[in-house]
Amino acid sequence: MIPNKSITNKGAIRASIIKYLNELADLALVRKGLDKFISDNLIIEEDLESGTITFNCKVPIVVQLRTIQGNSIEVLEIESSI
């Protein structure tokens, strides 16, 4: 792109979004190592008439739980001599 000019394209925007998501991964907000997944699921739409770009992307966040496993714990009463 041209420095100090408001010019961009879908490829530059795609690269910036992937860069930002990698920065979020460094902060443990999204999962790391998903560049291909993100690239495959990133949809960028441009409207040249209005001068807007909109993007949508599936991003697996770190806090998603898929399985919670637990064990049954038997609680025993302990008699107190107090």
N, C-alpha and C. Protein backbone atom coordinates (compact mmCIF):
# COMPACT_ATOMS: atom_id res chain seq x y z
N MET A 1 0.83 -1.16 0.00
CA MET A 1 0.00 0.00 0.00
C MET A 1 0.89 1.25 0.00
N ILE A 2 0.29 2.38 -0.10
CA ILE A 2 1.04 3.63 -0.19
C ILE A 2 1.06 4.30 1.18
N PRO A 3 2.25 4.57 1.72
CA PRO A 3 2.33 5.22 3.04
C PRO A 3 1.60 6.57 3.05
N ASN A 4 0.94 6.86 4.14
CA ASN A 4 0.21 8.12 4.37
C ASN A 4 -0.96 8.33 3.42
N LYS A 5 -1.43 7.27 2.79
CA LYS A 5 -2.59 7.35 1.91
C LYS A 5 -3.63 6.36 2.40
N SER A 6 -4.88 6.76 2.30
CA SER A 6 -5.97 5.91 2.74
C SER A 6 -6.37 4.95 1.62
N ILE A 7 -5.46 4.02 1.32
CA ILE A 7 -5.70 3.06 0.26
C ILE A 7 -5.42 1.67 0.83
N THR A 8 -6.32 0.73 0.54
CA THR A 8 -6.11 -0.64 1.00
C THR A 8 -6.81 -1.59 0.05
N ASN A 9 -6.67 -2.86 0.30
CA ASN A 9 -7.39 -3.87 -0.48
C ASN A 9 -7.72 -5.04 0.44
N LYS A 10 -8.47 -6.00 -0.09
CA LYS A 10 -8.88 -7.15 0.73
C LYS A 10 -7.70 -7.92 1.28
N GLY A 11 -6.64 -8.09 0.49
CA GLY A 11 -5.47 -8.85 0.95
C GLY A 11 -4.81 -8.19 2.14
N ALA A 12 -4.66 -6.86 2.10
CA ALA A 12 -4.04 -6.14 3.22
C ALA A 12 -4.93 -6.20 4.46
N ILE A 13 -6.23 -6.11 4.26
CA ILE A 13 -7.16 -6.19 5.39
C ILE A 13 -7.13 -7.59 5.99
N ARG A 14 -7.12 -8.60 5.14
CA ARG A 14 -7.04 -9.99 5.61
C ARG A 14 -5.78 -10.20 6.45
N ALA A 15 -4.65 -9.70 5.97
CA ALA A 15 -3.39 -9.84 6.71
C ALA A 15 -3.45 -9.12 8.06
N SER A 16 -4.07 -7.93 8.08
CA SER A 16 -4.19 -7.17 9.33
C SER A 16 -5.08 -7.89 10.33
N ILE A 17 -6.19 -8.45 9.87
CA ILE A 17 -7.10 -9.16 10.78
C ILE A 17 -6.40 -10.38 11.37
N ILE A 18 -5.68 -11.14 10.55
CA ILE A 18 -4.97 -12.31 11.05
C ILE A 18 -3.89 -11.87 12.05
N LYS A 19 -3.22 -10.76 11.77
CA LYS A 19 -2.22 -10.22 12.70
C LYS A 19 -2.88 -9.86 14.04
N TYR A 20 -4.02 -9.18 13.99
CA TYR A 20 -4.71 -8.79 15.23
C TYR A 20 -5.15 -10.01 16.02
N LEU A 21 -5.67 -11.03 15.32
CA LEU A 21 -6.11 -12.24 16.01
C LEU A 21 -4.93 -12.98 16.63
N ASN A 22 -3.77 -12.94 15.98
CA ASN A 22 -2.57 -13.54 16.58
C ASN A 22 -2.14 -12.78 17.83
N GLU A 23 -2.32 -11.46 17.82
CA GLU A 23 -2.02 -10.67 19.02
C GLU A 23 -2.97 -11.03 20.15
N LEU A 24 -4.24 -11.28 19.82
CA LEU A 24 -5.20 -11.73 20.84
C LEU A 24 -4.82 -13.11 21.35
N ALA A 25 -4.27 -13.96 20.48
CA ALA A 25 -3.82 -15.29 20.90
C ALA A 25 -2.66 -15.17 21.87
N ASP A 26 -1.77 -14.19 21.64
CA ASP A 26 -0.66 -13.97 22.57
C ASP A 26 -1.16 -13.55 23.95
N LEU A 27 -2.37 -12.97 24.00
CA LEU A 27 -2.97 -12.56 25.27
C LEU A 27 -3.90 -13.65 25.83
N ALA A 28 -3.91 -14.82 25.19
CA ALA A 28 -4.71 -15.98 25.59
C ALA A 28 -6.21 -15.71 25.50
N LEU A 29 -6.63 -14.87 24.56
CA LEU A 29 -8.05 -14.61 24.37
C LEU A 29 -8.65 -15.47 23.26
N VAL A 30 -7.83 -15.83 22.29
CA VAL A 30 -8.24 -16.78 21.26
C VAL A 30 -7.15 -17.84 21.17
N ARG A 31 -7.51 -18.98 20.57
CA ARG A 31 -6.55 -20.08 20.50
C ARG A 31 -5.44 -19.80 19.51
N LYS A 32 -4.25 -20.26 19.81
CA LYS A 32 -3.09 -20.08 18.94
C LYS A 32 -3.05 -21.13 17.84
N GLY A 33 -2.30 -20.81 16.77
CA GLY A 33 -2.05 -21.78 15.71
C GLY A 33 -3.22 -22.01 14.78
N LEU A 34 -4.10 -21.04 14.66
CA LEU A 34 -5.30 -21.23 13.84
C LEU A 34 -5.31 -20.34 12.60
N ASP A 35 -4.14 -19.95 12.10
CA ASP A 35 -4.09 -19.05 10.94
C ASP A 35 -4.88 -19.60 9.76
N LYS A 36 -4.71 -20.89 9.46
CA LYS A 36 -5.42 -21.48 8.32
C LYS A 36 -6.92 -21.52 8.59
N PHE A 37 -7.31 -21.92 9.81
CA PHE A 37 -8.73 -21.96 10.16
C PHE A 37 -9.35 -20.58 10.02
N ILE A 38 -8.66 -19.57 10.55
CA ILE A 38 -9.18 -18.20 10.48
C ILE A 38 -9.25 -17.73 9.04
N SER A 39 -8.21 -17.97 8.28
CA SER A 39 -8.18 -17.56 6.88
C SER A 39 -9.32 -18.22 6.09
N ASP A 40 -9.57 -19.50 6.37
CA ASP A 40 -10.63 -20.22 5.68
C ASP A 40 -12.02 -19.72 6.07
N ASN A 41 -12.16 -19.18 7.27
CA ASN A 41 -13.47 -18.75 7.77
C ASN A 41 -13.65 -17.24 7.78
N LEU A 42 -12.70 -16.51 7.25
CA LEU A 42 -12.76 -15.05 7.22
C LEU A 42 -13.45 -14.60 5.94
N ILE A 43 -14.54 -13.86 6.08
CA ILE A 43 -15.28 -13.34 4.94
C ILE A 43 -15.17 -11.82 4.97
N ILE A 44 -14.65 -11.26 3.89
CA ILE A 44 -14.49 -9.81 3.78
C ILE A 44 -15.36 -9.32 2.63
N GLU A 45 -16.20 -8.35 2.92
CA GLU A 45 -17.07 -7.77 1.90
C GLU A 45 -16.76 -6.29 1.80
N GLU A 46 -16.61 -5.81 0.57
CA GLU A 46 -16.35 -4.40 0.38
C GLU A 46 -17.50 -3.76 -0.38
N ASP A 47 -17.84 -2.55 0.02
CA ASP A 47 -18.86 -1.76 -0.66
C ASP A 47 -18.18 -0.49 -1.12
N LEU A 48 -17.77 -0.48 -2.39
CA LEU A 48 -17.02 0.66 -2.91
C LEU A 48 -17.87 1.93 -2.97
N GLU A 49 -19.18 1.77 -3.14
CA GLU A 49 -20.06 2.93 -3.21
C GLU A 49 -20.08 3.69 -1.88
N SER A 50 -20.18 2.94 -0.78
CA SER A 50 -20.23 3.60 0.53
C SER A 50 -18.85 3.73 1.16
N GLY A 51 -17.86 3.04 0.56
CA GLY A 51 -16.50 3.10 1.11
C GLY A 51 -16.34 2.33 2.41
N THR A 52 -17.09 1.24 2.55
CA THR A 52 -16.99 0.44 3.78
C THR A 52 -16.54 -0.98 3.47
N ILE A 53 -15.89 -1.55 4.46
CA ILE A 53 -15.50 -2.95 4.41
C ILE A 53 -16.04 -3.61 5.67
N THR A 54 -16.66 -4.76 5.49
CA THR A 54 -17.21 -5.52 6.60
C THR A 54 -16.57 -6.90 6.58
N PHE A 55 -16.22 -7.39 7.77
CA PHE A 55 -15.68 -8.76 7.81
C PHE A 55 -16.38 -9.55 8.90
N ASN A 56 -16.47 -10.84 8.65
CA ASN A 56 -17.01 -11.81 9.61
C ASN A 56 -16.05 -12.98 9.67
N CYS A 57 -15.86 -13.51 10.86
CA CYS A 57 -14.94 -14.62 11.01
C CYS A 57 -15.32 -15.46 12.23
N LYS A 58 -15.26 -16.77 12.06
CA LYS A 58 -15.39 -17.66 13.20
C LYS A 58 -14.05 -17.68 13.91
N VAL A 59 -14.05 -17.41 15.19
CA VAL A 59 -12.81 -17.40 15.96
C VAL A 59 -13.01 -18.22 17.23
N PRO A 60 -12.33 -19.36 17.34
CA PRO A 60 -12.44 -20.17 18.56
C PRO A 60 -11.77 -19.44 19.73
N ILE A 61 -12.56 -19.08 20.71
CA ILE A 61 -11.99 -18.38 21.86
C ILE A 61 -11.51 -19.39 22.89
N VAL A 62 -10.66 -18.94 23.77
CA VAL A 62 -10.02 -19.83 24.74
C VAL A 62 -11.02 -20.35 25.76
N VAL A 63 -12.00 -19.58 26.13
CA VAL A 63 -12.87 -19.95 27.24
C VAL A 63 -13.98 -20.94 26.88
N GLN A 64 -14.05 -21.35 25.64
CA GLN A 64 -15.08 -22.31 25.27
C GLN A 64 -14.80 -23.66 25.92
N LEU A 65 -15.79 -24.19 26.56
CA LEU A 65 -15.66 -25.51 27.16
C LEU A 65 -16.38 -26.52 26.28
N ARG A 66 -15.72 -27.59 25.96
CA ARG A 66 -16.33 -28.61 25.15
C ARG A 66 -16.79 -29.79 26.00
N THR A 67 -16.01 -30.12 27.02
CA THR A 67 -16.34 -31.24 27.91
C THR A 67 -15.93 -30.86 29.32
N ILE A 68 -16.79 -31.14 30.27
CA ILE A 68 -16.45 -30.97 31.67
C ILE A 68 -16.56 -32.35 32.30
N GLN A 69 -15.47 -32.81 32.86
CA GLN A 69 -15.47 -34.12 33.50
C GLN A 69 -15.31 -33.93 35.00
N GLY A 70 -16.02 -34.73 35.73
CA GLY A 70 -15.91 -34.65 37.18
C GLY A 70 -15.98 -36.03 37.79
N ASN A 71 -15.56 -36.12 39.01
CA ASN A 71 -15.61 -37.37 39.75
C ASN A 71 -16.54 -37.19 40.94
N SER A 72 -17.23 -38.23 41.27
CA SER A 72 -18.09 -38.20 42.43
C SER A 72 -17.21 -38.30 43.68
N ILE A 73 -17.46 -37.43 44.61
CA ILE A 73 -16.68 -37.44 45.85
C ILE A 73 -17.65 -37.71 47.01
N GLU A 74 -17.30 -38.71 47.79
CA GLU A 74 -18.13 -39.05 48.94
C GLU A 74 -17.70 -38.17 50.11
N VAL A 75 -18.65 -37.50 50.70
CA VAL A 75 -18.35 -36.63 51.83
C VAL A 75 -18.60 -37.42 53.11
N LEU A 76 -17.60 -37.47 53.98
CA LEU A 76 -17.72 -38.21 55.24
C LEU A 76 -17.93 -37.21 56.37
N GLU A 77 -18.83 -37.57 57.26
CA GLU A 77 -19.03 -36.74 58.44
C GLU A 77 -18.01 -37.12 59.49
N ILE A 78 -17.42 -36.14 60.08
CA ILE A 78 -16.45 -36.38 61.13
C ILE A 78 -17.06 -35.90 62.44
N GLU A 79 -17.12 -36.82 63.41
CA GLU A 79 -17.69 -36.45 64.71
C GLU A 79 -16.72 -35.56 65.46
N SER A 80 -17.27 -34.57 66.08
CA SER A 80 -16.44 -33.67 66.86
C SER A 80 -16.67 -33.93 68.34
N SER A 81 -15.62 -33.89 69.11
CA SER A 81 -15.75 -34.14 70.56
C SER A 81 -15.75 -32.82 71.31
N ILE A 82 -16.05 -31.73 70.62
CA ILE A 82 -16.04 -30.43 71.31
C ILE A 82 -17.35 -30.17 71.97
